């Protein structure tokens, strides 16, 4: 069963869907499954943060690689937000205007969760910074895959791509999980919380129904 903090009643959707969760929750897997399913009838564009633009690719190395320089949490938040502003301007908004369904692996919720709840920066300024970065481009649906962080870290133990945040103590990742759940309760956009302990097929079956509602309600952007 989907545990959702809000009743999802889409109207005049633009076609932007975000996948969120702790590291190892299965966002990339779900993103690929949604893309494969809906590509048969719609143009589907997938992207991720940081790294969805040329600027983002450069920032991703700086922000995530373990060998990169030490960066303060505030500087991290500013760099993630710079990537996001460029992402919205150069990819997300143009693709939505062309009629594409856009699936994002992470959005501003991750900055608030990682730098706010994880590194314990003040939440309100991070939300204000995020408002500037997203330029009003809120998603029609956020699919939050909820998973105990120790399970996510176990799943990612052998992955090839580096992510220095996975070296943080377990308490950091527990704060992340709490932060995502609190944002789901607090923010106005529709969140659906999916049980990350279920199989990828079960998660996809639940997510597919919600994505279909977005697709059915999507309108052209003038």
N, C-alpha and C. Protein backbone atom coordinates (compact mmCIF):
# COMPACT_ATOMS: atom_id res chain seq x y z
N UNK A 1 0.84 -1.20 0.00
CA UNK A 1 0.00 0.00 0.00
C UNK A 1 0.88 1.25 0.00
N UNK A 2 0.46 2.26 -0.74
CA UNK A 2 1.16 3.53 -0.74
C UNK A 2 0.78 4.30 0.51
N UNK A 3 1.76 4.77 1.22
CA UNK A 3 1.51 5.64 2.36
C UNK A 3 1.74 7.06 1.89
N UNK A 4 0.69 7.81 1.72
CA UNK A 4 0.81 9.15 1.16
C UNK A 4 0.40 10.19 2.19
N UNK A 5 1.16 11.26 2.24
CA UNK A 5 0.85 12.32 3.20
C UNK A 5 -0.27 13.21 2.71
N UNK A 6 -0.57 13.18 1.43
CA UNK A 6 -1.60 14.04 0.87
C UNK A 6 -2.40 13.26 -0.16
N UNK A 7 -3.64 13.63 -0.32
CA UNK A 7 -4.44 13.05 -1.38
C UNK A 7 -4.00 13.64 -2.71
N UNK A 8 -3.68 12.79 -3.65
CA UNK A 8 -3.17 13.25 -4.94
C UNK A 8 -4.33 13.48 -5.89
N UNK A 9 -4.64 14.73 -6.13
CA UNK A 9 -5.71 15.09 -7.07
C UNK A 9 -5.14 16.07 -8.08
N UNK A 10 -4.45 15.57 -9.10
CA UNK A 10 -3.76 16.44 -10.05
C UNK A 10 -4.74 17.25 -10.90
N UNK A 11 -4.31 18.45 -11.25
CA UNK A 11 -5.07 19.27 -12.19
C UNK A 11 -4.08 20.17 -12.91
N UNK A 12 -4.27 20.31 -14.19
CA UNK A 12 -3.41 21.17 -14.99
C UNK A 12 -1.93 20.88 -14.75
N UNK A 13 -1.56 19.61 -14.81
CA UNK A 13 -0.16 19.22 -14.58
C UNK A 13 0.70 19.64 -15.77
N UNK A 14 1.98 19.91 -15.48
CA UNK A 14 2.94 20.24 -16.53
C UNK A 14 3.75 19.03 -16.95
N UNK A 15 3.82 18.00 -16.09
CA UNK A 15 4.55 16.80 -16.46
C UNK A 15 5.88 16.61 -15.77
N UNK A 16 6.07 17.27 -14.62
CA UNK A 16 7.34 17.16 -13.88
C UNK A 16 7.14 16.26 -12.67
N UNK A 17 7.93 15.19 -12.62
CA UNK A 17 7.88 14.23 -11.52
C UNK A 17 9.28 14.08 -10.94
N UNK A 18 9.37 14.11 -9.62
CA UNK A 18 10.65 14.03 -8.92
C UNK A 18 10.70 12.77 -8.08
N UNK A 19 11.85 12.10 -8.08
CA UNK A 19 12.07 10.93 -7.23
C UNK A 19 13.08 11.31 -6.17
N UNK A 20 12.75 11.02 -4.92
CA UNK A 20 13.61 11.38 -3.80
C UNK A 20 13.77 10.21 -2.84
N UNK A 21 14.73 10.35 -1.94
CA UNK A 21 14.96 9.33 -0.93
C UNK A 21 16.42 9.29 -0.50
N UNK A 22 16.68 8.53 0.53
CA UNK A 22 18.06 8.38 1.01
C UNK A 22 18.88 7.64 -0.04
N UNK A 23 20.19 7.69 0.09
CA UNK A 23 21.06 6.97 -0.83
C UNK A 23 20.75 5.47 -0.79
N UNK A 24 20.64 4.87 -1.97
CA UNK A 24 20.36 3.45 -2.05
C UNK A 24 18.89 3.09 -2.02
N UNK A 25 18.01 4.10 -2.04
CA UNK A 25 16.57 3.82 -1.94
C UNK A 25 16.00 3.17 -3.19
N UNK A 26 16.67 3.35 -4.33
CA UNK A 26 16.17 2.76 -5.57
C UNK A 26 15.58 3.77 -6.53
N UNK A 27 15.97 5.03 -6.40
CA UNK A 27 15.43 6.08 -7.27
C UNK A 27 15.77 5.84 -8.74
N UNK A 28 17.02 5.54 -9.02
CA UNK A 28 17.45 5.36 -10.41
C UNK A 28 16.73 4.18 -11.06
N UNK A 29 16.55 3.11 -10.29
CA UNK A 29 15.85 1.94 -10.82
C UNK A 29 14.40 2.29 -11.14
N UNK A 30 13.73 2.98 -10.23
CA UNK A 30 12.34 3.36 -10.47
C UNK A 30 12.24 4.34 -11.63
N UNK A 31 13.16 5.27 -11.72
CA UNK A 31 13.15 6.22 -12.83
C UNK A 31 13.23 5.50 -14.17
N UNK A 32 14.09 4.51 -14.27
CA UNK A 32 14.25 3.77 -15.52
C UNK A 32 13.00 2.97 -15.85
N UNK A 33 12.38 2.37 -14.85
CA UNK A 33 11.16 1.60 -15.08
C UNK A 33 10.03 2.50 -15.56
N UNK A 34 9.89 3.67 -14.95
CA UNK A 34 8.84 4.60 -15.37
C UNK A 34 9.09 5.06 -16.80
N UNK A 35 10.35 5.38 -17.10
CA UNK A 35 10.69 5.82 -18.45
C UNK A 35 10.35 4.74 -19.47
N UNK A 36 10.76 3.52 -19.21
CA UNK A 36 10.53 2.44 -20.16
C UNK A 36 9.05 2.21 -20.40
N UNK A 37 8.26 2.34 -19.35
CA UNK A 37 6.82 2.09 -19.48
C UNK A 37 6.12 3.18 -20.28
N UNK A 38 6.41 4.43 -19.95
CA UNK A 38 5.66 5.54 -20.55
C UNK A 38 6.24 6.01 -21.88
N UNK A 39 7.45 5.56 -22.21
CA UNK A 39 8.03 5.96 -23.50
C UNK A 39 7.28 5.39 -24.69
N UNK A 40 6.49 4.38 -24.45
CA UNK A 40 5.72 3.79 -25.54
C UNK A 40 4.68 4.75 -26.08
N UNK A 41 4.22 5.67 -25.25
CA UNK A 41 3.16 6.59 -25.66
C UNK A 41 3.50 8.06 -25.49
N UNK A 42 4.60 8.37 -24.82
CA UNK A 42 4.94 9.77 -24.55
C UNK A 42 6.45 9.99 -24.69
N UNK A 43 6.81 11.21 -24.94
CA UNK A 43 8.22 11.57 -24.89
C UNK A 43 8.60 11.75 -23.43
N UNK A 44 9.55 10.96 -22.98
CA UNK A 44 9.97 10.98 -21.58
C UNK A 44 11.45 11.38 -21.51
N UNK A 45 11.74 12.36 -20.69
CA UNK A 45 13.11 12.83 -20.49
C UNK A 45 13.50 12.57 -19.05
N UNK A 46 14.63 11.92 -18.84
CA UNK A 46 15.14 11.70 -17.49
C UNK A 46 16.36 12.57 -17.25
N UNK A 47 16.50 13.02 -16.02
CA UNK A 47 17.68 13.79 -15.65
C UNK A 47 17.92 13.60 -14.16
N UNK A 48 18.96 14.22 -13.64
CA UNK A 48 19.34 14.01 -12.25
C UNK A 48 20.10 15.23 -11.75
N UNK A 49 20.18 15.34 -10.43
CA UNK A 49 20.92 16.44 -9.80
C UNK A 49 21.86 15.88 -8.74
N UNK A 50 23.08 16.43 -8.69
CA UNK A 50 23.65 17.37 -9.66
C UNK A 50 24.16 16.62 -10.88
N UNK A 51 24.21 17.31 -12.02
CA UNK A 51 24.82 16.71 -13.19
C UNK A 51 23.98 16.68 -14.44
N UNK A 52 22.79 17.26 -14.42
CA UNK A 52 21.93 17.20 -15.58
C UNK A 52 22.25 18.20 -16.67
N UNK A 53 23.24 19.04 -16.45
CA UNK A 53 23.68 20.02 -17.43
C UNK A 53 25.20 20.01 -17.48
N UNK A 54 25.83 20.65 -18.48
CA UNK A 54 27.29 20.73 -18.48
C UNK A 54 27.84 21.36 -17.20
N UNK A 55 27.19 22.41 -16.71
CA UNK A 55 27.62 23.00 -15.44
C UNK A 55 27.48 21.98 -14.32
N UNK A 56 26.35 21.28 -14.31
CA UNK A 56 26.12 20.30 -13.27
C UNK A 56 27.11 19.16 -13.27
N UNK A 57 27.59 18.77 -14.45
CA UNK A 57 28.57 17.69 -14.53
C UNK A 57 29.87 18.09 -13.86
N UNK A 58 30.25 19.34 -14.04
CA UNK A 58 31.46 19.83 -13.38
C UNK A 58 31.26 19.93 -11.87
N UNK A 59 30.09 20.42 -11.46
CA UNK A 59 29.81 20.57 -10.03
C UNK A 59 29.67 19.21 -9.36
N UNK A 60 29.15 18.22 -10.08
CA UNK A 60 28.97 16.89 -9.49
C UNK A 60 30.31 16.32 -9.01
N UNK A 61 31.33 16.46 -9.82
CA UNK A 61 32.65 15.96 -9.42
C UNK A 61 33.13 16.68 -8.16
N UNK A 62 32.93 17.98 -8.14
CA UNK A 62 33.38 18.78 -7.00
C UNK A 62 32.61 18.43 -5.73
N UNK A 63 31.31 18.18 -5.88
CA UNK A 63 30.45 18.00 -4.72
C UNK A 63 30.41 16.56 -4.19
N UNK A 64 30.61 15.57 -5.06
CA UNK A 64 30.38 14.20 -4.64
C UNK A 64 31.63 13.33 -4.56
N UNK A 65 32.66 13.62 -5.34
CA UNK A 65 33.83 12.73 -5.33
C UNK A 65 34.58 12.83 -4.00
N UNK A 66 35.00 11.69 -3.51
CA UNK A 66 35.64 11.64 -2.20
C UNK A 66 37.00 12.32 -2.19
N UNK A 67 37.65 12.40 -3.35
CA UNK A 67 38.96 13.03 -3.43
C UNK A 67 38.88 14.54 -3.64
N UNK A 68 37.68 15.08 -3.75
CA UNK A 68 37.54 16.51 -4.00
C UNK A 68 37.87 17.31 -2.73
N UNK A 69 38.01 18.61 -2.91
CA UNK A 69 38.35 19.47 -1.78
C UNK A 69 37.24 19.49 -0.75
N UNK A 70 37.60 19.84 0.47
CA UNK A 70 36.62 19.98 1.53
C UNK A 70 35.77 21.23 1.30
N UNK A 71 34.45 21.07 1.37
CA UNK A 71 33.52 22.17 1.12
C UNK A 71 32.59 22.30 2.30
N UNK A 72 32.34 23.51 2.76
CA UNK A 72 31.44 23.70 3.88
C UNK A 72 30.01 23.39 3.47
N UNK A 73 29.14 23.01 4.42
CA UNK A 73 27.74 22.74 4.09
C UNK A 73 27.05 23.92 3.41
N UNK A 74 27.36 25.14 3.84
CA UNK A 74 26.73 26.30 3.21
C UNK A 74 27.18 26.43 1.75
N UNK A 75 28.48 26.26 1.51
CA UNK A 75 28.98 26.33 0.13
C UNK A 75 28.36 25.21 -0.71
N UNK A 76 28.21 24.02 -0.12
CA UNK A 76 27.54 22.92 -0.83
C UNK A 76 26.14 23.33 -1.26
N UNK A 77 25.39 23.90 -0.32
CA UNK A 77 24.01 24.30 -0.62
C UNK A 77 23.96 25.32 -1.75
N UNK A 78 24.88 26.25 -1.76
CA UNK A 78 24.91 27.27 -2.81
C UNK A 78 25.27 26.65 -4.16
N UNK A 79 26.21 25.72 -4.16
CA UNK A 79 26.62 25.08 -5.42
C UNK A 79 25.51 24.17 -5.97
N UNK A 80 24.88 23.40 -5.09
CA UNK A 80 23.75 22.58 -5.53
C UNK A 80 22.64 23.46 -6.12
N UNK A 81 22.41 24.60 -5.49
CA UNK A 81 21.36 25.49 -5.97
C UNK A 81 21.73 26.15 -7.29
N UNK A 82 23.01 26.43 -7.49
CA UNK A 82 23.45 26.97 -8.78
C UNK A 82 23.22 25.95 -9.88
N UNK A 83 23.55 24.70 -9.60
CA UNK A 83 23.28 23.62 -10.56
C UNK A 83 21.79 23.55 -10.87
N UNK A 84 20.97 23.68 -9.84
CA UNK A 84 19.51 23.55 -10.01
C UNK A 84 18.95 24.70 -10.85
N UNK A 85 19.41 25.89 -10.60
CA UNK A 85 18.92 27.04 -11.38
C UNK A 85 19.23 26.85 -12.86
N UNK A 86 20.41 26.37 -13.17
CA UNK A 86 20.78 26.13 -14.56
C UNK A 86 20.00 24.95 -15.14
N UNK A 87 19.75 23.97 -14.32
CA UNK A 87 18.98 22.80 -14.73
C UNK A 87 17.56 23.20 -15.14
N UNK A 88 16.93 24.02 -14.31
CA UNK A 88 15.57 24.50 -14.62
C UNK A 88 15.58 25.31 -15.91
N UNK A 89 16.54 26.21 -16.03
CA UNK A 89 16.57 27.11 -17.18
C UNK A 89 16.85 26.39 -18.49
N UNK A 90 17.82 25.48 -18.47
CA UNK A 90 18.31 24.95 -19.74
C UNK A 90 17.72 23.60 -20.12
N UNK A 91 17.15 22.87 -19.17
CA UNK A 91 16.63 21.54 -19.50
C UNK A 91 15.18 21.33 -19.06
N UNK A 92 14.92 21.51 -17.78
CA UNK A 92 13.59 21.15 -17.25
C UNK A 92 12.48 21.94 -17.91
N UNK A 93 12.59 23.27 -17.87
CA UNK A 93 11.50 24.09 -18.42
C UNK A 93 11.36 23.93 -19.93
N UNK A 94 12.45 23.94 -20.71
CA UNK A 94 12.29 23.73 -22.16
C UNK A 94 11.66 22.38 -22.50
N UNK A 95 12.02 21.34 -21.78
CA UNK A 95 11.45 20.03 -22.06
C UNK A 95 9.97 19.98 -21.70
N UNK A 96 9.58 20.60 -20.61
CA UNK A 96 8.17 20.66 -20.26
C UNK A 96 7.38 21.44 -21.30
N UNK A 97 7.97 22.52 -21.79
CA UNK A 97 7.29 23.34 -22.79
C UNK A 97 7.13 22.60 -24.12
N UNK A 98 8.01 21.64 -24.36
CA UNK A 98 7.91 20.86 -25.59
C UNK A 98 6.93 19.70 -25.45
N UNK A 99 6.37 19.52 -24.27
CA UNK A 99 5.40 18.46 -24.05
C UNK A 99 5.95 17.18 -23.47
N UNK A 100 7.20 17.20 -23.03
CA UNK A 100 7.81 15.99 -22.48
C UNK A 100 7.36 15.74 -21.05
N UNK A 101 7.36 14.47 -20.68
CA UNK A 101 7.25 14.08 -19.28
C UNK A 101 8.67 14.05 -18.74
N UNK A 102 8.94 14.82 -17.70
CA UNK A 102 10.30 14.96 -17.17
C UNK A 102 10.38 14.26 -15.83
N UNK A 103 11.32 13.30 -15.72
CA UNK A 103 11.54 12.53 -14.50
C UNK A 103 12.90 12.92 -13.91
N UNK A 104 12.89 13.47 -12.71
CA UNK A 104 14.13 13.92 -12.08
C UNK A 104 14.52 13.03 -10.92
N UNK A 105 15.77 12.62 -10.90
CA UNK A 105 16.36 11.93 -9.76
C UNK A 105 16.99 13.01 -8.88
N UNK A 106 16.27 13.43 -7.86
CA UNK A 106 16.59 14.48 -6.90
C UNK A 106 16.23 15.87 -7.44
N UNK A 107 15.85 16.72 -6.45
CA UNK A 107 15.52 18.13 -6.74
C UNK A 107 15.85 18.90 -5.47
N UNK A 108 15.18 20.00 -5.24
CA UNK A 108 15.61 20.85 -4.13
C UNK A 108 15.41 20.21 -2.75
N UNK A 109 14.54 19.22 -2.66
CA UNK A 109 14.31 18.53 -1.39
C UNK A 109 15.60 17.91 -0.87
N UNK A 110 16.43 17.44 -1.78
CA UNK A 110 17.70 16.83 -1.37
C UNK A 110 18.64 17.84 -0.74
N UNK A 111 18.68 19.05 -1.28
CA UNK A 111 19.53 20.07 -0.68
C UNK A 111 19.07 20.40 0.72
N UNK A 112 17.76 20.55 0.90
CA UNK A 112 17.24 20.84 2.23
C UNK A 112 17.50 19.67 3.17
N UNK A 113 17.34 18.45 2.67
CA UNK A 113 17.55 17.27 3.53
C UNK A 113 19.02 17.09 3.88
N UNK A 114 19.90 17.14 2.87
CA UNK A 114 21.31 16.86 3.11
C UNK A 114 21.99 17.99 3.88
N UNK A 115 21.86 19.21 3.37
CA UNK A 115 22.56 20.32 4.01
C UNK A 115 21.80 20.88 5.22
N UNK A 116 20.48 20.76 5.19
CA UNK A 116 19.67 21.26 6.30
C UNK A 116 19.57 20.25 7.43
N UNK A 117 18.87 19.17 7.17
CA UNK A 117 18.70 18.17 8.22
C UNK A 117 19.99 17.40 8.49
N UNK A 118 20.70 17.02 7.43
CA UNK A 118 21.92 16.24 7.63
C UNK A 118 23.03 17.03 8.28
N UNK A 119 23.38 18.17 7.67
CA UNK A 119 24.47 19.00 8.20
C UNK A 119 23.97 20.09 9.15
N UNK A 120 22.67 20.11 9.37
CA UNK A 120 22.04 20.95 10.40
C UNK A 120 22.19 22.45 10.15
N UNK A 121 22.14 22.83 8.87
CA UNK A 121 21.98 24.25 8.55
C UNK A 121 20.53 24.66 8.80
N UNK A 122 20.26 25.95 9.02
CA UNK A 122 18.88 26.41 9.24
C UNK A 122 18.00 26.08 8.03
N UNK A 123 16.84 25.53 8.29
CA UNK A 123 15.97 25.05 7.22
C UNK A 123 15.34 26.19 6.43
N UNK A 124 14.88 27.22 7.11
CA UNK A 124 14.14 28.29 6.42
C UNK A 124 14.98 28.99 5.35
N UNK A 125 16.23 29.38 5.62
CA UNK A 125 17.03 29.99 4.56
C UNK A 125 17.26 29.05 3.37
N UNK A 126 17.38 27.76 3.63
CA UNK A 126 17.57 26.80 2.53
C UNK A 126 16.32 26.71 1.67
N UNK A 127 15.15 26.78 2.30
CA UNK A 127 13.91 26.77 1.53
C UNK A 127 13.79 28.05 0.70
N UNK A 128 14.21 29.18 1.26
CA UNK A 128 14.17 30.44 0.52
C UNK A 128 15.14 30.40 -0.65
N UNK A 129 16.34 29.85 -0.43
CA UNK A 129 17.31 29.70 -1.50
C UNK A 129 16.76 28.79 -2.60
N UNK A 130 16.08 27.74 -2.19
CA UNK A 130 15.50 26.81 -3.16
C UNK A 130 14.43 27.49 -4.01
N UNK A 131 13.64 28.35 -3.40
CA UNK A 131 12.62 29.07 -4.16
C UNK A 131 13.24 29.90 -5.27
N UNK A 132 14.37 30.51 -4.98
CA UNK A 132 15.07 31.29 -6.01
C UNK A 132 15.56 30.36 -7.12
N UNK A 133 16.13 29.23 -6.72
CA UNK A 133 16.74 28.33 -7.71
C UNK A 133 15.71 27.68 -8.63
N UNK A 134 14.55 27.28 -8.09
CA UNK A 134 13.60 26.54 -8.93
C UNK A 134 12.74 27.47 -9.78
N UNK A 135 12.75 28.76 -9.50
CA UNK A 135 12.07 29.74 -10.36
C UNK A 135 10.59 29.40 -10.56
N UNK A 136 9.97 28.91 -9.49
CA UNK A 136 8.55 28.58 -9.55
C UNK A 136 8.25 27.22 -10.14
N UNK A 137 9.27 26.47 -10.52
CA UNK A 137 9.04 25.20 -11.21
C UNK A 137 8.91 24.05 -10.20
N UNK A 138 7.72 23.96 -9.61
CA UNK A 138 7.44 22.88 -8.67
C UNK A 138 6.96 21.64 -9.43
N UNK A 139 7.26 20.47 -8.90
CA UNK A 139 6.80 19.25 -9.56
C UNK A 139 5.32 18.99 -9.35
N UNK A 140 4.75 18.20 -10.23
CA UNK A 140 3.37 17.77 -10.09
C UNK A 140 3.24 16.63 -9.09
N UNK A 141 4.33 15.92 -8.87
CA UNK A 141 4.32 14.77 -7.97
C UNK A 141 5.75 14.50 -7.52
N UNK A 142 5.89 14.19 -6.23
CA UNK A 142 7.17 13.74 -5.68
C UNK A 142 6.98 12.31 -5.18
N UNK A 143 7.75 11.40 -5.74
CA UNK A 143 7.75 10.01 -5.30
C UNK A 143 8.91 9.84 -4.32
N UNK A 144 8.59 9.75 -3.05
CA UNK A 144 9.60 9.62 -2.00
C UNK A 144 9.68 8.15 -1.60
N UNK A 145 10.81 7.52 -1.92
CA UNK A 145 11.03 6.13 -1.55
C UNK A 145 11.65 6.11 -0.16
N UNK A 146 10.88 5.66 0.80
CA UNK A 146 11.34 5.66 2.19
C UNK A 146 12.03 4.34 2.51
N UNK A 147 13.22 4.44 3.07
CA UNK A 147 14.04 3.26 3.34
C UNK A 147 14.91 3.51 4.56
N UNK A 148 15.06 2.54 5.47
CA UNK A 148 16.02 2.71 6.56
C UNK A 148 17.41 2.98 5.97
N UNK A 149 18.09 4.01 6.43
CA UNK A 149 19.36 4.39 5.79
C UNK A 149 20.42 3.32 5.83
N UNK A 150 20.43 2.48 6.87
CA UNK A 150 21.45 1.43 6.91
C UNK A 150 21.26 0.43 5.78
N UNK A 151 20.01 0.21 5.37
CA UNK A 151 19.76 -0.68 4.24
C UNK A 151 20.23 -0.03 2.94
N UNK A 152 19.98 1.26 2.78
CA UNK A 152 20.43 1.96 1.58
C UNK A 152 21.94 1.95 1.45
N UNK A 153 22.63 2.18 2.55
CA UNK A 153 24.09 2.17 2.52
C UNK A 153 24.62 0.77 2.21
N UNK A 154 23.95 -0.25 2.72
CA UNK A 154 24.35 -1.62 2.42
C UNK A 154 24.21 -1.91 0.93
N UNK A 155 23.11 -1.46 0.34
CA UNK A 155 22.88 -1.69 -1.08
C UNK A 155 23.93 -0.99 -1.94
N UNK A 156 24.38 0.16 -1.48
CA UNK A 156 25.32 0.95 -2.28
C UNK A 156 26.78 0.63 -2.00
N UNK A 157 27.04 -0.32 -1.14
CA UNK A 157 28.41 -0.57 -0.69
C UNK A 157 29.36 -0.89 -1.83
N UNK A 158 28.86 -1.56 -2.87
CA UNK A 158 29.74 -2.00 -3.95
C UNK A 158 29.55 -1.21 -5.24
N UNK A 159 28.83 -0.11 -5.20
CA UNK A 159 28.61 0.64 -6.43
C UNK A 159 29.88 1.35 -6.86
N UNK A 160 30.00 1.59 -8.15
CA UNK A 160 31.23 2.16 -8.71
C UNK A 160 31.32 3.67 -8.48
N UNK A 161 30.20 4.37 -8.65
CA UNK A 161 30.25 5.83 -8.55
C UNK A 161 30.48 6.27 -7.12
N UNK A 162 31.36 7.24 -6.94
CA UNK A 162 31.66 7.76 -5.62
C UNK A 162 30.57 8.70 -5.14
N UNK A 163 30.37 8.73 -3.84
CA UNK A 163 29.47 9.69 -3.21
C UNK A 163 29.98 9.91 -1.79
N UNK A 164 30.63 11.03 -1.58
CA UNK A 164 31.28 11.24 -0.30
C UNK A 164 30.29 11.33 0.86
N UNK A 165 29.02 11.62 0.56
CA UNK A 165 28.03 11.70 1.63
C UNK A 165 27.80 10.33 2.27
N UNK A 166 28.11 9.26 1.56
CA UNK A 166 27.92 7.94 2.13
C UNK A 166 28.96 7.61 3.19
N UNK A 167 29.99 8.45 3.31
CA UNK A 167 30.98 8.27 4.36
C UNK A 167 30.56 8.92 5.67
N UNK A 168 29.47 9.67 5.63
CA UNK A 168 28.97 10.30 6.86
C UNK A 168 28.47 9.22 7.82
N UNK A 169 28.42 9.57 9.11
CA UNK A 169 27.96 8.63 10.12
C UNK A 169 26.48 8.31 9.93
N UNK A 170 26.06 7.18 10.48
CA UNK A 170 24.68 6.73 10.30
C UNK A 170 23.69 7.77 10.81
N UNK A 171 24.05 8.49 11.86
CA UNK A 171 23.14 9.51 12.41
C UNK A 171 22.82 10.58 11.36
N UNK A 172 23.80 10.91 10.53
CA UNK A 172 23.57 11.87 9.45
C UNK A 172 22.49 11.35 8.52
N UNK A 173 22.58 10.10 8.13
CA UNK A 173 21.61 9.52 7.20
C UNK A 173 20.25 9.33 7.84
N UNK A 174 20.22 9.10 9.14
CA UNK A 174 18.94 9.03 9.84
C UNK A 174 18.27 10.39 9.86
N UNK A 175 19.05 11.45 9.99
CA UNK A 175 18.47 12.80 9.92
C UNK A 175 17.94 13.10 8.52
N UNK A 176 18.65 12.58 7.50
CA UNK A 176 18.17 12.73 6.13
C UNK A 176 16.78 12.14 5.98
N UNK A 177 16.64 10.91 6.43
CA UNK A 177 15.35 10.23 6.30
C UNK A 177 14.25 11.03 7.00
N UNK A 178 14.52 11.46 8.21
CA UNK A 178 13.54 12.26 8.95
C UNK A 178 13.23 13.54 8.19
N UNK A 179 14.26 14.16 7.60
CA UNK A 179 14.06 15.41 6.88
C UNK A 179 13.16 15.23 5.69
N UNK A 180 13.38 14.18 4.90
CA UNK A 180 12.52 13.93 3.75
C UNK A 180 11.07 13.74 4.18
N UNK A 181 10.85 12.99 5.25
CA UNK A 181 9.49 12.74 5.71
C UNK A 181 8.84 14.02 6.23
N UNK A 182 9.60 14.87 6.90
CA UNK A 182 9.05 16.13 7.38
C UNK A 182 8.72 17.06 6.22
N UNK A 183 9.56 17.09 5.20
CA UNK A 183 9.28 17.92 4.03
C UNK A 183 8.02 17.45 3.32
N UNK A 184 7.82 16.13 3.28
CA UNK A 184 6.62 15.59 2.65
C UNK A 184 5.36 16.09 3.35
N UNK A 185 5.43 16.25 4.66
CA UNK A 185 4.29 16.75 5.43
C UNK A 185 4.11 18.25 5.27
N UNK A 186 5.20 18.94 5.13
CA UNK A 186 5.19 20.40 5.22
C UNK A 186 4.91 21.11 3.90
N UNK A 187 5.45 20.61 2.81
CA UNK A 187 5.44 21.36 1.56
C UNK A 187 4.14 21.17 0.80
N UNK A 188 3.79 22.13 -0.08
CA UNK A 188 2.48 22.09 -0.73
C UNK A 188 2.35 21.08 -1.86
N UNK A 189 3.45 20.69 -2.50
CA UNK A 189 3.33 19.78 -3.64
C UNK A 189 2.96 18.37 -3.17
N UNK A 190 2.29 17.60 -4.04
CA UNK A 190 1.85 16.25 -3.66
C UNK A 190 3.04 15.30 -3.51
N UNK A 191 3.11 14.66 -2.36
CA UNK A 191 4.11 13.62 -2.10
C UNK A 191 3.41 12.28 -1.99
N UNK A 192 4.03 11.24 -2.51
CA UNK A 192 3.61 9.87 -2.25
C UNK A 192 4.80 9.14 -1.66
N UNK A 193 4.62 8.56 -0.49
CA UNK A 193 5.71 7.86 0.19
C UNK A 193 5.58 6.38 -0.11
N UNK A 194 6.61 5.83 -0.75
CA UNK A 194 6.62 4.44 -1.16
C UNK A 194 7.57 3.64 -0.25
N UNK A 195 7.19 2.43 0.06
CA UNK A 195 7.97 1.58 0.95
C UNK A 195 9.17 0.99 0.20
N UNK A 196 10.36 1.51 0.50
CA UNK A 196 11.56 1.08 -0.19
C UNK A 196 12.01 -0.33 0.14
N UNK A 197 11.40 -0.98 1.12
CA UNK A 197 11.74 -2.35 1.44
C UNK A 197 11.02 -3.34 0.53
N UNK A 198 10.05 -2.87 -0.23
CA UNK A 198 9.36 -3.74 -1.17
C UNK A 198 10.26 -3.98 -2.38
N UNK A 199 9.88 -4.92 -3.21
CA UNK A 199 10.65 -5.20 -4.41
C UNK A 199 10.52 -4.04 -5.39
N UNK A 200 11.46 -3.94 -6.31
CA UNK A 200 11.41 -2.85 -7.29
C UNK A 200 10.16 -2.94 -8.15
N UNK A 201 9.67 -4.15 -8.40
CA UNK A 201 8.46 -4.31 -9.21
C UNK A 201 7.23 -3.84 -8.45
N UNK A 202 7.18 -4.12 -7.16
CA UNK A 202 6.05 -3.67 -6.35
C UNK A 202 6.04 -2.14 -6.26
N UNK A 203 7.21 -1.56 -6.07
CA UNK A 203 7.30 -0.10 -5.99
C UNK A 203 6.87 0.52 -7.31
N UNK A 204 7.34 -0.05 -8.40
CA UNK A 204 6.97 0.47 -9.71
C UNK A 204 5.47 0.37 -9.96
N UNK A 205 4.86 -0.72 -9.58
CA UNK A 205 3.42 -0.89 -9.79
C UNK A 205 2.63 0.20 -9.08
N UNK A 206 3.06 0.58 -7.87
CA UNK A 206 2.37 1.63 -7.13
C UNK A 206 2.64 3.00 -7.74
N UNK A 207 3.90 3.22 -8.11
CA UNK A 207 4.27 4.52 -8.69
C UNK A 207 3.60 4.73 -10.03
N UNK A 208 3.49 3.67 -10.82
CA UNK A 208 2.92 3.78 -12.16
C UNK A 208 1.51 4.36 -12.14
N UNK A 209 0.70 3.96 -11.17
CA UNK A 209 -0.66 4.48 -11.07
C UNK A 209 -0.67 5.99 -10.85
N UNK A 210 0.23 6.47 -10.03
CA UNK A 210 0.29 7.90 -9.73
C UNK A 210 0.83 8.68 -10.93
N UNK A 211 1.85 8.14 -11.57
CA UNK A 211 2.41 8.81 -12.75
C UNK A 211 1.35 8.90 -13.84
N UNK A 212 0.55 7.87 -13.97
CA UNK A 212 -0.51 7.88 -14.98
C UNK A 212 -1.49 9.02 -14.73
N UNK A 213 -1.76 9.33 -13.48
CA UNK A 213 -2.64 10.46 -13.16
C UNK A 213 -2.04 11.78 -13.63
N UNK A 214 -0.73 11.90 -13.46
CA UNK A 214 -0.05 13.11 -13.94
C UNK A 214 -0.14 13.18 -15.46
N UNK A 215 0.15 12.07 -16.11
CA UNK A 215 0.11 12.03 -17.58
C UNK A 215 -1.29 12.39 -18.08
N UNK A 216 -2.31 11.84 -17.46
CA UNK A 216 -3.68 12.09 -17.89
C UNK A 216 -4.12 13.53 -17.67
N UNK A 217 -3.44 14.22 -16.75
CA UNK A 217 -3.83 15.58 -16.41
C UNK A 217 -2.90 16.64 -16.97
N UNK A 218 -1.91 16.21 -17.75
CA UNK A 218 -0.93 17.15 -18.27
C UNK A 218 -1.53 18.01 -19.38
N UNK A 219 -1.24 19.30 -19.32
CA UNK A 219 -1.71 20.23 -20.33
C UNK A 219 -0.51 20.85 -21.03
N UNK A 220 -0.72 21.42 -22.18
CA UNK A 220 0.36 22.11 -22.89
C UNK A 220 0.67 23.42 -22.20
N UNK A 221 1.97 23.73 -22.13
CA UNK A 221 2.40 25.00 -21.54
C UNK A 221 2.51 26.03 -22.65
N UNK A 222 1.83 27.17 -22.52
CA UNK A 222 1.92 28.17 -23.59
C UNK A 222 3.30 28.78 -23.70
